[in-house]
mmCIF file of all heavy atoms, coordinates in Angstrom:
data_MODEL
# 
_entry.id   MODEL 
# 
loop_
_atom_site.group_PDB 
_atom_site.id 
_atom_site.type_symbol 
_atom_site.label_atom_id 
_atom_site.label_alt_id 
_atom_site.label_comp_id 
_atom_site.label_asym_id 
_atom_site.label_entity_id 
_atom_site.label_seq_id 
_atom_site.pdbx_PDB_ins_code 
_atom_site.Cartn_x 
_atom_site.Cartn_y 
_atom_site.Cartn_z 
_atom_site.occupancy 
_atom_site.B_iso_or_equiv 
_atom_site.pdbx_formal_charge 
_atom_site.auth_seq_id 
_atom_site.auth_comp_id 
_atom_site.auth_asym_id 
_atom_site.auth_atom_id 
_atom_site.pdbx_PDB_model_num 
ATOM 1   N N   . ARG A 1 1  ? 99.469  -40.112 267.555 1.00 0.00 ? 1  ARG A N   1 
ATOM 2   C CA  . ARG A 1 1  ? 99.478  -39.016 266.591 1.00 0.00 ? 1  ARG A CA  1 
ATOM 3   C C   . ARG A 1 1  ? 99.385  -39.533 265.161 1.00 0.00 ? 1  ARG A C   1 
ATOM 4   O O   . ARG A 1 1  ? 98.615  -39.010 264.343 1.00 0.00 ? 1  ARG A O   1 
ATOM 5   C CB  . ARG A 1 1  ? 100.747 -38.179 266.779 1.00 0.00 ? 1  ARG A CB  1 
ATOM 6   C CG  . ARG A 1 1  ? 100.742 -36.873 266.008 1.00 0.00 ? 1  ARG A CG  1 
ATOM 7   C CD  . ARG A 1 1  ? 102.044 -36.118 266.178 1.00 0.00 ? 1  ARG A CD  1 
ATOM 8   N NE  . ARG A 1 1  ? 103.013 -36.625 265.230 1.00 0.00 ? 1  ARG A NE  1 
ATOM 9   C CZ  . ARG A 1 1  ? 104.268 -36.928 265.514 1.00 0.00 ? 1  ARG A CZ  1 
ATOM 10  N NH1 . ARG A 1 1  ? 104.734 -36.772 266.726 1.00 0.00 ? 1  ARG A NH1 1 
ATOM 11  N NH2 . ARG A 1 1  ? 105.080 -37.383 264.582 1.00 0.00 ? 1  ARG A NH2 1 
ATOM 12  N N   . VAL A 1 2  ? 100.130 -40.577 264.851 1.00 0.00 ? 2  VAL A N   1 
ATOM 13  C CA  . VAL A 1 2  ? 100.100 -41.136 263.491 1.00 0.00 ? 2  VAL A CA  1 
ATOM 14  C C   . VAL A 1 2  ? 98.738  -41.766 263.205 1.00 0.00 ? 2  VAL A C   1 
ATOM 15  O O   . VAL A 1 2  ? 98.177  -41.572 262.116 1.00 0.00 ? 2  VAL A O   1 
ATOM 16  C CB  . VAL A 1 2  ? 101.251 -42.148 263.286 1.00 0.00 ? 2  VAL A CB  1 
ATOM 17  C CG1 . VAL A 1 2  ? 101.094 -42.900 261.975 1.00 0.00 ? 2  VAL A CG1 1 
ATOM 18  C CG2 . VAL A 1 2  ? 102.597 -41.420 263.320 1.00 0.00 ? 2  VAL A CG2 1 
ATOM 19  N N   . ALA A 1 3  ? 98.181  -42.486 264.162 1.00 0.00 ? 3  ALA A N   1 
ATOM 20  C CA  . ALA A 1 3  ? 96.855  -43.091 263.965 1.00 0.00 ? 3  ALA A CA  1 
ATOM 21  C C   . ALA A 1 3  ? 95.792  -42.011 263.759 1.00 0.00 ? 3  ALA A C   1 
ATOM 22  O O   . ALA A 1 3  ? 94.928  -42.131 262.892 1.00 0.00 ? 3  ALA A O   1 
ATOM 23  C CB  . ALA A 1 3  ? 96.498  -43.977 265.161 1.00 0.00 ? 3  ALA A CB  1 
ATOM 24  N N   . LEU A 1 4  ? 95.864  -40.948 264.546 1.00 0.00 ? 4  LEU A N   1 
ATOM 25  C CA  . LEU A 1 4  ? 94.921  -39.837 264.411 1.00 0.00 ? 4  LEU A CA  1 
ATOM 26  C C   . LEU A 1 4  ? 95.052  -39.181 263.042 1.00 0.00 ? 4  LEU A C   1 
ATOM 27  O O   . LEU A 1 4  ? 94.063  -38.981 262.333 1.00 0.00 ? 4  LEU A O   1 
ATOM 28  C CB  . LEU A 1 4  ? 95.175  -38.806 265.517 1.00 0.00 ? 4  LEU A CB  1 
ATOM 29  C CG  . LEU A 1 4  ? 94.327  -37.537 265.486 1.00 0.00 ? 4  LEU A CG  1 
ATOM 30  C CD1 . LEU A 1 4  ? 92.870  -37.866 265.773 1.00 0.00 ? 4  LEU A CD1 1 
ATOM 31  C CD2 . LEU A 1 4  ? 94.865  -36.525 266.496 1.00 0.00 ? 4  LEU A CD2 1 
ATOM 32  N N   . GLY A 1 5  ? 96.258  -38.854 262.666 1.00 0.00 ? 5  GLY A N   1 
ATOM 33  C CA  . GLY A 1 5  ? 96.496  -38.205 261.376 1.00 0.00 ? 5  GLY A CA  1 
ATOM 34  C C   . GLY A 1 5  ? 96.069  -39.079 260.210 1.00 0.00 ? 5  GLY A C   1 
ATOM 35  O O   . GLY A 1 5  ? 95.438  -38.601 259.259 1.00 0.00 ? 5  GLY A O   1 
ATOM 36  N N   . PHE A 1 6  ? 96.381  -40.355 260.276 1.00 0.00 ? 6  PHE A N   1 
ATOM 37  C CA  . PHE A 1 6  ? 96.022  -41.271 259.201 1.00 0.00 ? 6  PHE A CA  1 
ATOM 38  C C   . PHE A 1 6  ? 94.506  -41.393 259.067 1.00 0.00 ? 6  PHE A C   1 
ATOM 39  O O   . PHE A 1 6  ? 93.963  -41.371 257.964 1.00 0.00 ? 6  PHE A O   1 
ATOM 40  C CB  . PHE A 1 6  ? 96.656  -42.649 259.435 1.00 0.00 ? 6  PHE A CB  1 
ATOM 41  C CG  . PHE A 1 6  ? 96.400  -43.620 258.326 1.00 0.00 ? 6  PHE A CG  1 
ATOM 42  C CD1 . PHE A 1 6  ? 97.043  -43.482 257.109 1.00 0.00 ? 6  PHE A CD1 1 
ATOM 43  C CD2 . PHE A 1 6  ? 95.511  -44.665 258.480 1.00 0.00 ? 6  PHE A CD2 1 
ATOM 44  C CE1 . PHE A 1 6  ? 96.808  -44.367 256.061 1.00 0.00 ? 6  PHE A CE1 1 
ATOM 45  C CE2 . PHE A 1 6  ? 95.261  -45.557 257.442 1.00 0.00 ? 6  PHE A CE2 1 
ATOM 46  C CZ  . PHE A 1 6  ? 95.912  -45.408 256.236 1.00 0.00 ? 6  PHE A CZ  1 
ATOM 47  N N   . THR A 1 7  ? 93.822  -41.490 260.203 1.00 0.00 ? 7  THR A N   1 
ATOM 48  C CA  . THR A 1 7  ? 92.362  -41.601 260.181 1.00 0.00 ? 7  THR A CA  1 
ATOM 49  C C   . THR A 1 7  ? 91.734  -40.376 259.532 1.00 0.00 ? 7  THR A C   1 
ATOM 50  O O   . THR A 1 7  ? 90.850  -40.492 258.681 1.00 0.00 ? 7  THR A O   1 
ATOM 51  C CB  . THR A 1 7  ? 91.814  -41.798 261.612 1.00 0.00 ? 7  THR A CB  1 
ATOM 52  O OG1 . THR A 1 7  ? 92.397  -42.979 262.162 1.00 0.00 ? 7  THR A OG1 1 
ATOM 53  C CG2 . THR A 1 7  ? 90.305  -41.922 261.616 1.00 0.00 ? 7  THR A CG2 1 
ATOM 54  N N   . PHE A 1 8  ? 92.197  -39.194 259.909 1.00 0.00 ? 8  PHE A N   1 
ATOM 55  C CA  . PHE A 1 8  ? 91.649  -37.977 259.313 1.00 0.00 ? 8  PHE A CA  1 
ATOM 56  C C   . PHE A 1 8  ? 92.027  -37.863 257.839 1.00 0.00 ? 8  PHE A C   1 
ATOM 57  O O   . PHE A 1 8  ? 91.221  -37.419 257.018 1.00 0.00 ? 8  PHE A O   1 
ATOM 58  C CB  . PHE A 1 8  ? 92.072  -36.736 260.095 1.00 0.00 ? 8  PHE A CB  1 
ATOM 59  C CG  . PHE A 1 8  ? 91.104  -36.403 261.183 1.00 0.00 ? 8  PHE A CG  1 
ATOM 60  C CD1 . PHE A 1 8  ? 91.309  -36.852 262.478 1.00 0.00 ? 8  PHE A CD1 1 
ATOM 61  C CD2 . PHE A 1 8  ? 89.970  -35.665 260.913 1.00 0.00 ? 8  PHE A CD2 1 
ATOM 62  C CE1 . PHE A 1 8  ? 90.405  -36.563 263.481 1.00 0.00 ? 8  PHE A CE1 1 
ATOM 63  C CE2 . PHE A 1 8  ? 89.052  -35.370 261.909 1.00 0.00 ? 8  PHE A CE2 1 
ATOM 64  C CZ  . PHE A 1 8  ? 89.272  -35.828 263.193 1.00 0.00 ? 8  PHE A CZ  1 
ATOM 65  N N   . PHE A 1 9  ? 93.239  -38.239 257.493 1.00 0.00 ? 9  PHE A N   1 
ATOM 66  C CA  . PHE A 1 9  ? 93.663  -38.206 256.094 1.00 0.00 ? 9  PHE A CA  1 
ATOM 67  C C   . PHE A 1 9  ? 92.734  -39.067 255.234 1.00 0.00 ? 9  PHE A C   1 
ATOM 68  O O   . PHE A 1 9  ? 92.258  -38.630 254.181 1.00 0.00 ? 9  PHE A O   1 
ATOM 69  C CB  . PHE A 1 9  ? 95.114  -38.681 255.966 1.00 0.00 ? 9  PHE A CB  1 
ATOM 70  C CG  . PHE A 1 9  ? 95.565  -38.841 254.551 1.00 0.00 ? 9  PHE A CG  1 
ATOM 71  C CD1 . PHE A 1 9  ? 95.846  -37.726 253.768 1.00 0.00 ? 9  PHE A CD1 1 
ATOM 72  C CD2 . PHE A 1 9  ? 95.703  -40.098 253.979 1.00 0.00 ? 9  PHE A CD2 1 
ATOM 73  C CE1 . PHE A 1 9  ? 96.257  -37.874 252.446 1.00 0.00 ? 9  PHE A CE1 1 
ATOM 74  C CE2 . PHE A 1 9  ? 96.112  -40.248 252.673 1.00 0.00 ? 9  PHE A CE2 1 
ATOM 75  C CZ  . PHE A 1 9  ? 96.389  -39.137 251.899 1.00 0.00 ? 9  PHE A CZ  1 
ATOM 76  N N   . ILE A 1 10 ? 92.452  -40.282 255.686 1.00 0.00 ? 10 ILE A N   1 
ATOM 77  C CA  . ILE A 1 10 ? 91.565  -41.183 254.940 1.00 0.00 ? 10 ILE A CA  1 
ATOM 78  C C   . ILE A 1 10 ? 90.160  -40.594 254.836 1.00 0.00 ? 10 ILE A C   1 
ATOM 79  O O   . ILE A 1 10 ? 89.542  -40.613 253.765 1.00 0.00 ? 10 ILE A O   1 
ATOM 80  C CB  . ILE A 1 10 ? 91.534  -42.586 255.589 1.00 0.00 ? 10 ILE A CB  1 
ATOM 81  C CG1 . ILE A 1 10 ? 92.911  -43.255 255.489 1.00 0.00 ? 10 ILE A CG1 1 
ATOM 82  C CG2 . ILE A 1 10 ? 90.452  -43.457 254.971 1.00 0.00 ? 10 ILE A CG2 1 
ATOM 83  C CD1 . ILE A 1 10 ? 93.426  -43.457 254.071 1.00 0.00 ? 10 ILE A CD1 1 
ATOM 84  N N   . HIS A 1 11 ? 89.654  -40.030 255.916 1.00 0.00 ? 11 HIS A N   1 
ATOM 85  C CA  . HIS A 1 11 ? 88.320  -39.421 255.878 1.00 0.00 ? 11 HIS A CA  1 
ATOM 86  C C   . HIS A 1 11 ? 88.282  -38.240 254.914 1.00 0.00 ? 11 HIS A C   1 
ATOM 87  O O   . HIS A 1 11 ? 87.291  -38.039 254.206 1.00 0.00 ? 11 HIS A O   1 
ATOM 88  C CB  . HIS A 1 11 ? 87.870  -39.003 257.283 1.00 0.00 ? 11 HIS A CB  1 
ATOM 89  C CG  . HIS A 1 11 ? 87.297  -40.122 258.068 1.00 0.00 ? 11 HIS A CG  1 
ATOM 90  N ND1 . HIS A 1 11 ? 85.954  -40.285 258.270 1.00 0.00 ? 11 HIS A ND1 1 
ATOM 91  C CD2 . HIS A 1 11 ? 87.891  -41.171 258.693 1.00 0.00 ? 11 HIS A CD2 1 
ATOM 92  C CE1 . HIS A 1 11 ? 85.741  -41.374 258.980 1.00 0.00 ? 11 HIS A CE1 1 
ATOM 93  N NE2 . HIS A 1 11 ? 86.909  -41.933 259.250 1.00 0.00 ? 11 HIS A NE2 1 
ATOM 94  N N   . GLY A 1 12 ? 89.352  -37.454 254.873 1.00 0.00 ? 12 GLY A N   1 
ATOM 95  C CA  . GLY A 1 12 ? 89.434  -36.345 253.923 1.00 0.00 ? 12 GLY A CA  1 
ATOM 96  C C   . GLY A 1 12 ? 89.466  -36.848 252.490 1.00 0.00 ? 12 GLY A C   1 
ATOM 97  O O   . GLY A 1 12 ? 88.769  -36.309 251.614 1.00 0.00 ? 12 GLY A O   1 
ATOM 98  N N   . CYS A 1 13 ? 90.245  -37.898 252.246 1.00 0.00 ? 13 CYS A N   1 
ATOM 99  C CA  . CYS A 1 13 ? 90.289  -38.499 250.898 1.00 0.00 ? 13 CYS A CA  1 
ATOM 100 C C   . CYS A 1 13 ? 88.904  -38.962 250.469 1.00 0.00 ? 13 CYS A C   1 
ATOM 101 O O   . CYS A 1 13 ? 88.479  -38.721 249.333 1.00 0.00 ? 13 CYS A O   1 
ATOM 102 C CB  . CYS A 1 13 ? 91.244  -39.695 250.874 1.00 0.00 ? 13 CYS A CB  1 
ATOM 103 S SG  . CYS A 1 13 ? 92.977  -39.283 250.872 1.00 0.00 ? 13 CYS A SG  1 
ATOM 104 N N   . LEU A 1 14 ? 88.207  -39.623 251.365 1.00 0.00 ? 14 LEU A N   1 
ATOM 105 C CA  . LEU A 1 14 ? 86.877  -40.144 251.041 1.00 0.00 ? 14 LEU A CA  1 
ATOM 106 C C   . LEU A 1 14 ? 85.891  -39.032 250.703 1.00 0.00 ? 14 LEU A C   1 
ATOM 107 O O   . LEU A 1 14 ? 85.046  -39.198 249.818 1.00 0.00 ? 14 LEU A O   1 
ATOM 108 C CB  . LEU A 1 14 ? 86.343  -40.996 252.190 1.00 0.00 ? 14 LEU A CB  1 
ATOM 109 C CG  . LEU A 1 14 ? 87.074  -42.318 252.429 1.00 0.00 ? 14 LEU A CG  1 
ATOM 110 C CD1 . LEU A 1 14 ? 86.572  -42.992 253.698 1.00 0.00 ? 14 LEU A CD1 1 
ATOM 111 C CD2 . LEU A 1 14 ? 86.931  -43.241 251.232 1.00 0.00 ? 14 LEU A CD2 1 
ATOM 112 N N   . LYS A 1 15 ? 86.008  -37.908 251.387 1.00 0.00 ? 15 LYS A N   1 
ATOM 113 C CA  . LYS A 1 15 ? 85.107  -36.788 251.101 1.00 0.00 ? 15 LYS A CA  1 
ATOM 114 C C   . LYS A 1 15 ? 85.295  -36.307 249.663 1.00 0.00 ? 15 LYS A C   1 
ATOM 115 O O   . LYS A 1 15 ? 84.330  -35.997 248.967 1.00 0.00 ? 15 LYS A O   1 
ATOM 116 C CB  . LYS A 1 15 ? 85.339  -35.642 252.076 1.00 0.00 ? 15 LYS A CB  1 
ATOM 117 C CG  . LYS A 1 15 ? 84.664  -35.860 253.406 1.00 0.00 ? 15 LYS A CG  1 
ATOM 118 C CD  . LYS A 1 15 ? 84.871  -34.688 254.325 1.00 0.00 ? 15 LYS A CD  1 
ATOM 119 C CE  . LYS A 1 15 ? 84.179  -34.898 255.645 1.00 0.00 ? 15 LYS A CE  1 
ATOM 120 N NZ  . LYS A 1 15 ? 84.541  -36.089 256.365 1.00 0.00 ? 15 LYS A NZ  1 
ATOM 121 N N   . PHE A 1 16 ? 86.531  -36.235 249.213 1.00 0.00 ? 16 PHE A N   1 
ATOM 122 C CA  . PHE A 1 16 ? 86.796  -35.744 247.861 1.00 0.00 ? 16 PHE A CA  1 
ATOM 123 C C   . PHE A 1 16 ? 86.596  -36.824 246.804 1.00 0.00 ? 16 PHE A C   1 
ATOM 124 O O   . PHE A 1 16 ? 86.113  -36.538 245.713 1.00 0.00 ? 16 PHE A O   1 
ATOM 125 C CB  . PHE A 1 16 ? 88.195  -35.137 247.776 1.00 0.00 ? 16 PHE A CB  1 
ATOM 126 C CG  . PHE A 1 16 ? 88.292  -33.822 248.489 1.00 0.00 ? 16 PHE A CG  1 
ATOM 127 C CD1 . PHE A 1 16 ? 88.917  -33.723 249.715 1.00 0.00 ? 16 PHE A CD1 1 
ATOM 128 C CD2 . PHE A 1 16 ? 87.717  -32.681 247.949 1.00 0.00 ? 16 PHE A CD2 1 
ATOM 129 C CE1 . PHE A 1 16 ? 88.985  -32.512 250.388 1.00 0.00 ? 16 PHE A CE1 1 
ATOM 130 C CE2 . PHE A 1 16 ? 87.779  -31.460 248.605 1.00 0.00 ? 16 PHE A CE2 1 
ATOM 131 C CZ  . PHE A 1 16 ? 88.413  -31.380 249.835 1.00 0.00 ? 16 PHE A CZ  1 
ATOM 132 N N   . GLN A 1 17 ? 86.939  -38.069 247.109 1.00 0.00 ? 17 GLN A N   1 
ATOM 133 C CA  . GLN A 1 17 ? 86.741  -39.159 246.146 1.00 0.00 ? 17 GLN A CA  1 
ATOM 134 C C   . GLN A 1 17 ? 85.274  -39.428 245.896 1.00 0.00 ? 17 GLN A C   1 
ATOM 135 O O   . GLN A 1 17 ? 84.878  -39.741 244.779 1.00 0.00 ? 17 GLN A O   1 
ATOM 136 C CB  . GLN A 1 17 ? 87.430  -40.435 246.629 1.00 0.00 ? 17 GLN A CB  1 
ATOM 137 C CG  . GLN A 1 17 ? 88.926  -40.385 246.518 1.00 0.00 ? 17 GLN A CG  1 
ATOM 138 C CD  . GLN A 1 17 ? 89.587  -41.634 247.079 1.00 0.00 ? 17 GLN A CD  1 
ATOM 139 O OE1 . GLN A 1 17 ? 88.981  -42.431 247.782 1.00 0.00 ? 17 GLN A OE1 1 
ATOM 140 N NE2 . GLN A 1 17 ? 90.854  -41.797 246.758 1.00 0.00 ? 17 GLN A NE2 1 
ATOM 141 N N   . GLY A 1 18 ? 84.461  -39.323 246.934 1.00 0.00 ? 18 GLY A N   1 
ATOM 142 C CA  . GLY A 1 18 ? 83.030  -39.561 246.785 1.00 0.00 ? 18 GLY A CA  1 
ATOM 143 C C   . GLY A 1 18 ? 82.313  -38.374 246.172 1.00 0.00 ? 18 GLY A C   1 
ATOM 144 O O   . GLY A 1 18 ? 81.118  -38.438 245.900 1.00 0.00 ? 18 GLY A O   1 
ATOM 145 N N   . GLY A 1 19 ? 83.039  -37.313 245.938 1.00 0.00 ? 19 GLY A N   1 
ATOM 146 C CA  . GLY A 1 19 ? 82.446  -36.096 245.410 1.00 0.00 ? 19 GLY A CA  1 
ATOM 147 C C   . GLY A 1 19 ? 82.101  -35.177 246.550 1.00 0.00 ? 19 GLY A C   1 
ATOM 148 O O   . GLY A 1 19 ? 81.199  -35.459 247.339 1.00 0.00 ? 19 GLY A O   1 
ATOM 149 N N   . ILE A 1 20 ? 82.819  -34.075 246.646 1.00 0.00 ? 20 ILE A N   1 
ATOM 150 C CA  . ILE A 1 20 ? 82.613  -33.147 247.756 1.00 0.00 ? 20 ILE A CA  1 
ATOM 151 C C   . ILE A 1 20 ? 81.193  -32.593 247.729 1.00 0.00 ? 20 ILE A C   1 
ATOM 152 O O   . ILE A 1 20 ? 80.641  -32.237 248.768 1.00 0.00 ? 20 ILE A O   1 
ATOM 153 C CB  . ILE A 1 20 ? 83.683  -32.027 247.756 1.00 0.00 ? 20 ILE A CB  1 
ATOM 154 C CG1 . ILE A 1 20 ? 83.740  -31.308 249.108 1.00 0.00 ? 20 ILE A CG1 1 
ATOM 155 C CG2 . ILE A 1 20 ? 83.475  -31.072 246.615 1.00 0.00 ? 20 ILE A CG2 1 
ATOM 156 C CD1 . ILE A 1 20 ? 84.261  -32.128 250.242 1.00 0.00 ? 20 ILE A CD1 1 
ATOM 157 N N   . GLU A 1 21 ? 80.566  -32.598 246.537 1.00 0.00 ? 21 GLU A N   1 
ATOM 158 C CA  . GLU A 1 21 ? 79.191  -32.099 246.480 1.00 0.00 ? 21 GLU A CA  1 
ATOM 159 C C   . GLU A 1 21 ? 78.237  -33.003 247.243 1.00 0.00 ? 21 GLU A C   1 
ATOM 160 O O   . GLU A 1 21 ? 77.245  -32.527 247.802 1.00 0.00 ? 21 GLU A O   1 
ATOM 161 C CB  . GLU A 1 21 ? 78.692  -31.854 245.077 1.00 0.00 ? 21 GLU A CB  1 
ATOM 162 C CG  . GLU A 1 21 ? 79.104  -32.560 243.844 1.00 0.00 ? 21 GLU A CG  1 
ATOM 163 C CD  . GLU A 1 21 ? 80.517  -32.964 243.524 1.00 0.00 ? 21 GLU A CD  1 
ATOM 164 O OE1 . GLU A 1 21 ? 81.417  -32.139 243.421 1.00 0.00 ? 21 GLU A OE1 1 
ATOM 165 O OE2 . GLU A 1 21 ? 80.695  -34.165 243.327 1.00 0.00 ? 21 GLU A OE2 1 
ATOM 166 N N   . ASN A 1 22 ? 78.541  -34.297 247.305 1.00 0.00 ? 22 ASN A N   1 
ATOM 167 C CA  . ASN A 1 22 ? 77.718  -35.219 248.110 1.00 0.00 ? 22 ASN A CA  1 
ATOM 168 C C   . ASN A 1 22 ? 77.855  -34.901 249.599 1.00 0.00 ? 22 ASN A C   1 
ATOM 169 O O   . ASN A 1 22 ? 76.872  -34.915 250.340 1.00 0.00 ? 22 ASN A O   1 
ATOM 170 C CB  . ASN A 1 22 ? 78.108  -36.671 247.853 1.00 0.00 ? 22 ASN A CB  1 
ATOM 171 C CG  . ASN A 1 22 ? 77.788  -37.119 246.446 1.00 0.00 ? 22 ASN A CG  1 
ATOM 172 O OD1 . ASN A 1 22 ? 76.871  -36.595 245.817 1.00 0.00 ? 22 ASN A OD1 1 
ATOM 173 N ND2 . ASN A 1 22 ? 78.547  -38.071 245.944 1.00 0.00 ? 22 ASN A ND2 1 
ATOM 174 N N   . THR A 1 23 ? 79.081  -34.624 250.016 1.00 0.00 ? 23 THR A N   1 
ATOM 175 C CA  . THR A 1 23 ? 79.309  -34.260 251.410 1.00 0.00 ? 23 THR A CA  1 
ATOM 176 C C   . THR A 1 23 ? 78.639  -32.923 251.711 1.00 0.00 ? 23 THR A C   1 
ATOM 177 O O   . THR A 1 23 ? 78.032  -32.750 252.773 1.00 0.00 ? 23 THR A O   1 
ATOM 178 C CB  . THR A 1 23 ? 80.825  -34.194 251.711 1.00 0.00 ? 23 THR A CB  1 
ATOM 179 O OG1 . THR A 1 23 ? 81.417  -35.448 251.363 1.00 0.00 ? 23 THR A OG1 1 
ATOM 180 C CG2 . THR A 1 23 ? 81.089  -33.910 253.177 1.00 0.00 ? 23 THR A CG2 1 
ATOM 181 N N   . ALA A 1 24 ? 78.730  -31.982 250.780 1.00 0.00 ? 24 ALA A N   1 
ATOM 182 C CA  . ALA A 1 24 ? 78.089  -30.674 250.968 1.00 0.00 ? 24 ALA A CA  1 
ATOM 183 C C   . ALA A 1 24 ? 76.574  -30.843 251.105 1.00 0.00 ? 24 ALA A C   1 
ATOM 184 O O   . ALA A 1 24 ? 75.950  -30.206 251.967 1.00 0.00 ? 24 ALA A O   1 
ATOM 185 C CB  . ALA A 1 24 ? 78.426  -29.748 249.805 1.00 0.00 ? 24 ALA A CB  1 
ATOM 186 N N   . ALA A 1 25 ? 76.000  -31.710 250.283 1.00 0.00 ? 25 ALA A N   1 
ATOM 187 C CA  . ALA A 1 25 ? 74.552  -31.958 250.367 1.00 0.00 ? 25 ALA A CA  1 
ATOM 188 C C   . ALA A 1 25 ? 74.192  -32.566 251.722 1.00 0.00 ? 25 ALA A C   1 
ATOM 189 O O   . ALA A 1 25 ? 73.172  -32.207 252.318 1.00 0.00 ? 25 ALA A O   1 
ATOM 190 C CB  . ALA A 1 25 ? 74.109  -32.879 249.232 1.00 0.00 ? 25 ALA A CB  1 
ATOM 191 N N   . PHE A 1 26 ? 75.032  -33.470 252.217 1.00 0.00 ? 26 PHE A N   1 
ATOM 192 C CA  . PHE A 1 26 ? 74.788  -34.059 253.540 1.00 0.00 ? 26 PHE A CA  1 
ATOM 193 C C   . PHE A 1 26 ? 74.854  -32.985 254.617 1.00 0.00 ? 26 PHE A C   1 
ATOM 194 O O   . PHE A 1 26 ? 74.007  -32.939 255.516 1.00 0.00 ? 26 PHE A O   1 
ATOM 195 C CB  . PHE A 1 26 ? 75.789  -35.178 253.825 1.00 0.00 ? 26 PHE A CB  1 
ATOM 196 C CG  . PHE A 1 26 ? 75.680  -35.730 255.216 1.00 0.00 ? 26 PHE A CG  1 
ATOM 197 C CD1 . PHE A 1 26 ? 74.560  -36.453 255.606 1.00 0.00 ? 26 PHE A CD1 1 
ATOM 198 C CD2 . PHE A 1 26 ? 76.685  -35.522 256.143 1.00 0.00 ? 26 PHE A CD2 1 
ATOM 199 C CE1 . PHE A 1 26 ? 74.447  -36.956 256.902 1.00 0.00 ? 26 PHE A CE1 1 
ATOM 200 C CE2 . PHE A 1 26 ? 76.588  -36.012 257.431 1.00 0.00 ? 26 PHE A CE2 1 
ATOM 201 C CZ  . PHE A 1 26 ? 75.458  -36.738 257.810 1.00 0.00 ? 26 PHE A CZ  1 
ATOM 202 N N   . PHE A 1 27 ? 75.851  -32.113 254.547 1.00 0.00 ? 27 PHE A N   1 
ATOM 203 C CA  . PHE A 1 27 ? 75.970  -31.032 255.526 1.00 0.00 ? 27 PHE A CA  1 
ATOM 204 C C   . PHE A 1 27 ? 74.708  -30.175 255.515 1.00 0.00 ? 27 PHE A C   1 
ATOM 205 O O   . PHE A 1 27 ? 74.224  -29.763 256.565 1.00 0.00 ? 27 PHE A O   1 
ATOM 206 C CB  . PHE A 1 27 ? 77.193  -30.164 255.219 1.00 0.00 ? 27 PHE A CB  1 
ATOM 207 C CG  . PHE A 1 27 ? 78.493  -30.676 255.795 1.00 0.00 ? 27 PHE A CG  1 
ATOM 208 C CD1 . PHE A 1 27 ? 78.817  -32.016 255.803 1.00 0.00 ? 27 PHE A CD1 1 
ATOM 209 C CD2 . PHE A 1 27 ? 79.413  -29.798 256.332 1.00 0.00 ? 27 PHE A CD2 1 
ATOM 210 C CE1 . PHE A 1 27 ? 80.008  -32.484 256.324 1.00 0.00 ? 27 PHE A CE1 1 
ATOM 211 C CE2 . PHE A 1 27 ? 80.612  -30.240 256.856 1.00 0.00 ? 27 PHE A CE2 1 
ATOM 212 C CZ  . PHE A 1 27 ? 80.916  -31.583 256.858 1.00 0.00 ? 27 PHE A CZ  1 
# 
C-alpha cells in the first residue's frame, strides 16, 4: 500500500511540476 501510494504521489507531483498543460497536451 505504501509503495503504491508513494509511486502515484510521485507521478502526480511530476505532472504538476512539469506543467499540467504539457500533460494535457499529451492526453
